[in-house]
Amino acid sequence: MQSLAGELGIGRTTLYRWVEDRDSLISEMLSEMVVEEIRASIDQAQGEGIDRILDGLRRFMVTSSAFEPLRHLVQTEPELGLRVMLSPGSAVSRAIIDQVQTEIESIRPDWRGEKAAELSDVMTQIGMAYEWGNIVVRSEPEIDRAIWAMDTLIRATDRIR
């Protein structure tokens, strides 16, 4: 935070007034990047309906897992990295959940509200676990496995209706 304040030409106190703390700053930056990237990934996705959403999420996971600054963060400061991304209600997970929920509701209007919100939350947690849980322990993300699990969840939800 001290070097950032220096680069901005402001005092640390001013920086902390603007962003509260380091976690908040990182979380806010990442959540804005997530919204842009997830939208772009879904816009480029192939297929229709659920297949399009899953292809978009696959593209998003490939891009985000290759983002070296984020990989560095979760590997050098795993507690901080996972906290800003995975903790319940974090801005990053909330941004992903909101985007996934919007997509689900667009293809399944009958799932609007709580059902789409819960499904989006579980899908996000699955993706985060297979992607960032692996990266933090220096294993490669299991993106195809995450997408398979999400697909299974969605199709099971569709049958339960």
C-alpha atoms as a PDB file:
ATOM      1  CA  MET A   1       0.000   0.000   0.000  1.00  0.00           C
ATOM      2  CA  GLN A   2       2.924   2.292   0.750  1.00  0.00           C
ATOM      3  CA  SER A   3       4.424   1.877  -2.730  1.00  0.00           C
ATOM      4  CA  LEU A   4       1.011   2.350  -4.368  1.00  0.00           C
ATOM      5  CA  ALA A   5       0.450   5.555  -2.413  1.00  0.00           C
ATOM      6  CA  GLY A   6       3.907   6.734  -3.487  1.00  0.00           C
ATOM      7  CA  GLU A   7       3.168   5.974  -7.151  1.00  0.00           C
ATOM      8  CA  LEU A   8      -0.098   7.897  -6.906  1.00  0.00           C
ATOM      9  CA  GLY A   9       1.625  10.791  -5.184  1.00  0.00           C
ATOM     10  CA  ILE A  10      -0.607  10.627  -2.115  1.00  0.00           C
ATOM     11  CA  GLY A  11      -0.147   9.716   1.520  1.00  0.00           C
ATOM     12  CA  ARG A  12      -0.962   6.254   2.867  1.00  0.00           C
ATOM     13  CA  THR A  13      -3.673   7.760   5.062  1.00  0.00           C
ATOM     14  CA  THR A  14      -5.411   9.188   2.002  1.00  0.00           C
ATOM     15  CA  LEU A  15      -5.133   5.856   0.185  1.00  0.00           C
ATOM     16  CA  TYR A  16      -6.625   4.002   3.137  1.00  0.00           C
ATOM     17  CA  ARG A  17      -9.481   6.517   3.278  1.00  0.00           C
ATOM     18  CA  TRP A  18     -10.220   5.776  -0.378  1.00  0.00           C
ATOM     19  CA  VAL A  19     -10.026   1.987  -0.223  1.00  0.00           C
ATOM     20  CA  GLU A  20     -10.349   0.966   3.457  1.00  0.00           C
ATOM     21  CA  ASP A  21      -7.697  -1.765   3.311  1.00  0.00           C
ATOM     22  CA  ARG A  22      -5.605  -3.921   1.025  1.00  0.00           C
ATOM     23  CA  ASP A  23      -8.228  -6.699   0.829  1.00  0.00           C
ATOM     24  CA  SER A  24     -10.872  -4.199  -0.278  1.00  0.00           C
ATOM     25  CA  LEU A  25      -8.623  -2.718  -2.936  1.00  0.00           C
ATOM     26  CA  ILE A  26      -7.691  -6.103  -4.394  1.00  0.00           C
ATOM     27  CA  SER A  27     -11.265  -7.349  -4.186  1.00  0.00           C
ATOM     28  CA  GLU A  28     -12.673  -4.282  -5.919  1.00  0.00           C
ATOM     29  CA  MET A  29     -10.109  -4.413  -8.715  1.00  0.00           C
ATOM     30  CA  LEU A  30     -10.616  -8.124  -9.290  1.00  0.00           C
ATOM     31  CA  SER A  31     -14.412  -7.922  -9.244  1.00  0.00           C
ATOM     32  CA  GLU A  32     -14.398  -5.233 -11.936  1.00  0.00           C
ATOM     33  CA  MET A  33     -12.044  -7.316 -14.067  1.00  0.00           C
ATOM     34  CA  VAL A  34     -14.200 -10.412 -13.515  1.00  0.00           C
ATOM     35  CA  VAL A  35     -17.357  -8.700 -14.750  1.00  0.00           C
ATOM     36  CA  GLU A  36     -15.634  -7.543 -17.940  1.00  0.00           C
ATOM     37  CA  GLU A  37     -14.009 -10.893 -18.635  1.00  0.00           C
ATOM     38  CA  ILE A  38     -17.025 -13.063 -17.880  1.00  0.00           C
ATOM     39  CA  ARG A  39     -19.211 -10.935 -20.155  1.00  0.00           C
ATOM     40  CA  ALA A  40     -16.639 -11.137 -22.948  1.00  0.00           C
ATOM     41  CA  SER A  41     -16.277 -14.903 -22.465  1.00  0.00           C
ATOM     42  CA  ILE A  42     -20.019 -15.496 -22.638  1.00  0.00           C
ATOM     43  CA  ASP A  43     -20.338 -13.176 -25.653  1.00  0.00           C
ATOM     44  CA  GLN A  44     -17.738 -15.323 -27.461  1.00  0.00           C
ATOM     45  CA  ALA A  45     -19.236 -18.627 -26.309  1.00  0.00           C
ATOM     46  CA  GLN A  46     -20.467 -21.268 -28.721  1.00  0.00           C
ATOM     47  CA  GLY A  47     -23.730 -23.184 -28.496  1.00  0.00           C
ATOM     48  CA  GLU A  48     -27.191 -22.442 -27.217  1.00  0.00           C
ATOM     49  CA  GLY A  49     -28.776 -22.266 -23.783  1.00  0.00           C
ATOM     50  CA  ILE A  50     -26.932 -24.064 -21.004  1.00  0.00           C
ATOM     51  CA  ASP A  51     -24.193 -25.202 -23.411  1.00  0.00           C
ATOM     52  CA  ARG A  52     -23.436 -21.551 -24.253  1.00  0.00           C
ATOM     53  CA  ILE A  53     -23.227 -20.613 -20.568  1.00  0.00           C
ATOM     54  CA  LEU A  54     -20.914 -23.541 -19.831  1.00  0.00           C
ATOM     55  CA  ASP A  55     -18.711 -22.728 -22.822  1.00  0.00           C
ATOM     56  CA  GLY A  56     -18.547 -19.117 -21.616  1.00  0.00           C
ATOM     57  CA  LEU A  57     -17.573 -20.244 -18.126  1.00  0.00           C
ATOM     58  CA  ARG A  58     -14.917 -22.566 -19.576  1.00  0.00           C
ATOM     59  CA  ARG A  59     -13.476 -19.650 -21.562  1.00  0.00           C
ATOM     60  CA  PHE A  60     -13.566 -17.435 -18.463  1.00  0.00           C
ATOM     61  CA  MET A  61     -11.787 -20.050 -16.352  1.00  0.00           C
ATOM     62  CA  VAL A  62      -9.088 -20.599 -18.986  1.00  0.00           C
ATOM     63  CA  THR A  63      -8.455 -16.853 -19.211  1.00  0.00           C
ATOM     64  CA  SER A  64      -8.551 -16.174 -15.489  1.00  0.00           C
ATOM     65  CA  SER A  65      -6.349 -19.146 -14.585  1.00  0.00           C
ATOM     66  CA  ALA A  66      -3.736 -17.907 -17.071  1.00  0.00           C
ATOM     67  CA  PHE A  67      -3.706 -14.388 -15.582  1.00  0.00           C
ATOM     68  CA  GLU A  68      -0.225 -14.390 -14.097  1.00  0.00           C
ATOM     69  CA  PRO A  69      -0.672 -11.582 -11.514  1.00  0.00           C
ATOM     70  CA  LEU A  70      -3.613 -13.447  -9.967  1.00  0.00           C
ATOM     71  CA  ARG A  71      -1.783 -16.785 -10.024  1.00  0.00           C
ATOM     72  CA  HIS A  72       1.151 -15.069  -8.308  1.00  0.00           C
ATOM     73  CA  LEU A  73      -1.136 -13.600  -5.650  1.00  0.00           C
ATOM     74  CA  VAL A  74      -2.795 -16.900  -4.711  1.00  0.00           C
ATOM     75  CA  GLN A  75       0.502 -18.787  -4.751  1.00  0.00           C
ATOM     76  CA  THR A  76       2.492 -16.264  -2.700  1.00  0.00           C
ATOM     77  CA  GLU A  77      -0.322 -15.133  -0.399  1.00  0.00           C
ATOM     78  CA  PRO A  78      -2.853 -17.986  -0.536  1.00  0.00           C
ATOM     79  CA  GLU A  79      -4.897 -16.849   2.444  1.00  0.00           C
ATOM     80  CA  LEU A  80      -5.359 -13.349   1.037  1.00  0.00           C
ATOM     81  CA  GLY A  81      -5.971 -14.554  -2.523  1.00  0.00           C
ATOM     82  CA  LEU A  82      -8.564 -17.115  -1.559  1.00  0.00           C
ATOM     83  CA  ARG A  83     -10.190 -14.796   0.975  1.00  0.00           C
ATOM     84  CA  VAL A  84     -10.813 -12.020  -1.556  1.00  0.00           C
ATOM     85  CA  MET A  85     -12.104 -14.505  -4.123  1.00  0.00           C
ATOM     86  CA  LEU A  86     -13.850 -17.267  -2.208  1.00  0.00           C
ATOM     87  CA  SER A  87     -15.132 -15.930   1.071  1.00  0.00           C
ATOM     88  CA  PRO A  88     -18.929 -15.825   1.252  1.00  0.00           C
ATOM     89  CA  GLY A  89     -20.126 -12.465   0.021  1.00  0.00           C
ATOM     90  CA  SER A  90     -16.748 -11.396  -1.369  1.00  0.00           C
ATOM     91  CA  ALA A  91     -16.991  -8.891  -4.208  1.00  0.00           C
ATOM     92  CA  VAL A  92     -15.273 -11.294  -6.602  1.00  0.00           C
ATOM     93  CA  SER A  93     -17.501 -14.295  -5.947  1.00  0.00           C
ATOM     94  CA  ARG A  94     -20.545 -12.005  -5.880  1.00  0.00           C
ATOM     95  CA  ALA A  95     -19.584 -10.589  -9.306  1.00  0.00           C
ATOM     96  CA  ILE A  96     -19.290 -14.077 -10.782  1.00  0.00           C
ATOM     97  CA  ILE A  97     -22.514 -15.269  -9.159  1.00  0.00           C
ATOM     98  CA  ASP A  98     -24.417 -12.227 -10.449  1.00  0.00           C
ATOM     99  CA  GLN A  99     -23.192 -12.725 -14.017  1.00  0.00           C
ATOM    100  CA  VAL A 100     -23.967 -16.457 -13.993  1.00  0.00           C
ATOM    101  CA  GLN A 101     -27.394 -15.800 -12.479  1.00  0.00           C
ATOM    102  CA  THR A 102     -28.198 -13.246 -15.192  1.00  0.00           C
ATOM    103  CA  GLU A 103     -27.256 -15.770 -17.875  1.00  0.00           C
ATOM    104  CA  ILE A 104     -29.254 -18.593 -16.280  1.00  0.00           C
ATOM    105  CA  GLU A 105     -32.323 -16.389 -15.900  1.00  0.00           C
ATOM    106  CA  SER A 106     -32.067 -15.304 -19.532  1.00  0.00           C
ATOM    107  CA  ILE A 107     -32.439 -18.880 -20.745  1.00  0.00           C
ATOM    108  CA  ARG A 108     -34.621 -20.199 -17.923  1.00  0.00           C
ATOM    109  CA  PRO A 109     -37.025 -17.428 -16.854  1.00  0.00           C
ATOM    110  CA  ASP A 110     -38.899 -19.955 -14.705  1.00  0.00           C
ATOM    111  CA  TRP A 111     -35.775 -20.222 -12.509  1.00  0.00           C
ATOM    112  CA  ARG A 112     -35.623 -16.466 -11.746  1.00  0.00           C
ATOM    113  CA  GLY A 113     -34.771 -15.430  -8.237  1.00  0.00           C
ATOM    114  CA  GLU A 114     -33.754 -17.831  -5.505  1.00  0.00           C
ATOM    115  CA  LYS A 115     -33.376 -20.935  -7.670  1.00  0.00           C
ATOM    116  CA  ALA A 116     -31.068 -19.217 -10.176  1.00  0.00           C
ATOM    117  CA  ALA A 117     -29.194 -17.470  -7.351  1.00  0.00           C
ATOM    118  CA  GLU A 118     -28.529 -20.706  -5.478  1.00  0.00           C
ATOM    119  CA  LEU A 119     -27.533 -22.555  -8.642  1.00  0.00           C
ATOM    120  CA  SER A 120     -25.180 -19.711  -9.621  1.00  0.00           C
ATOM    121  CA  ASP A 121     -23.594 -19.706  -6.169  1.00  0.00           C
ATOM    122  CA  VAL A 122     -22.925 -23.452  -6.235  1.00  0.00           C
ATOM    123  CA  MET A 123     -21.585 -23.284  -9.810  1.00  0.00           C
ATOM    124  CA  THR A 124     -19.243 -20.461  -8.790  1.00  0.00           C
ATOM    125  CA  GLN A 125     -17.970 -22.415  -5.787  1.00  0.00           C
ATOM    126  CA  ILE A 126     -17.374 -25.481  -7.979  1.00  0.00           C
ATOM    127  CA  GLY A 127     -15.435 -23.396 -10.478  1.00  0.00           C
ATOM    128  CA  MET A 128     -13.381 -21.654  -7.816  1.00  0.00           C
ATOM    129  CA  ALA A 129     -12.505 -24.937  -6.097  1.00  0.00           C
ATOM    130  CA  TYR A 130     -11.351 -26.744  -9.229  1.00  0.00           C
ATOM    131  CA  GLU A 131      -9.561 -23.676 -10.562  1.00  0.00           C
ATOM    132  CA  TRP A 132      -8.080 -21.705  -7.668  1.00  0.00           C
ATOM    133  CA  GLY A 133      -7.999 -24.469  -5.082  1.00  0.00           C
ATOM    134  CA  ASN A 134      -5.654 -26.310  -7.420  1.00  0.00           C
ATOM    135  CA  ILE A 135      -3.583 -23.270  -8.352  1.00  0.00           C
ATOM    136  CA  VAL A 136      -2.957 -22.382  -4.708  1.00  0.00           C
ATOM    137  CA  VAL A 137      -1.338 -25.802  -4.188  1.00  0.00           C
ATOM    138  CA  ARG A 138       0.571 -25.410  -7.474  1.00  0.00           C
ATOM    139  CA  SER A 139      -1.471 -27.940  -9.435  1.00  0.00           C
ATOM    140  CA  GLU A 140      -3.085 -27.190 -12.747  1.00  0.00           C
ATOM    141  CA  PRO A 141      -6.734 -26.168 -12.647  1.00  0.00           C
ATOM    142  CA  GLU A 142      -9.214 -28.888 -13.554  1.00  0.00           C
ATOM    143  CA  ILE A 143     -11.423 -26.777 -15.772  1.00  0.00           C
ATOM    144  CA  ASP A 144     -13.036 -29.613 -17.725  1.00  0.00           C
ATOM    145  CA  ARG A 145     -13.888 -31.373 -14.473  1.00  0.00           C
ATOM    146  CA  ALA A 146     -15.449 -28.176 -13.094  1.00  0.00           C
ATOM    147  CA  ILE A 147     -17.540 -27.720 -16.244  1.00  0.00           C
ATOM    148  CA  TRP A 148     -18.651 -31.354 -16.082  1.00  0.00           C
ATOM    149  CA  ALA A 149     -19.721 -30.893 -12.447  1.00  0.00           C
ATOM    150  CA  MET A 150     -21.613 -27.688 -13.321  1.00  0.00           C
ATOM    151  CA  ASP A 151     -23.314 -29.383 -16.261  1.00  0.00           C
ATOM    152  CA  THR A 152     -24.336 -32.310 -14.049  1.00  0.00           C
ATOM    153  CA  LEU A 153     -25.712 -29.902 -11.448  1.00  0.00           C
ATOM    154  CA  ILE A 154     -27.731 -27.903 -13.990  1.00  0.00           C
ATOM    155  CA  ARG A 155     -29.191 -31.002 -15.633  1.00  0.00           C
ATOM    156  CA  ALA A 156     -30.108 -32.464 -12.233  1.00  0.00           C
ATOM    157  CA  THR A 157     -31.751 -29.174 -11.275  1.00  0.00           C
ATOM    158  CA  ASP A 158     -33.703 -29.264 -14.524  1.00  0.00           C
ATOM    159  CA  ARG A 159     -35.029 -32.772 -13.734  1.00  0.00           C
ATOM    160  CA  ILE A 160     -36.019 -31.836 -10.165  1.00  0.00           C
ATOM    161  CA  ARG A 161     -38.015 -28.791 -11.209  1.00  0.00           C
END
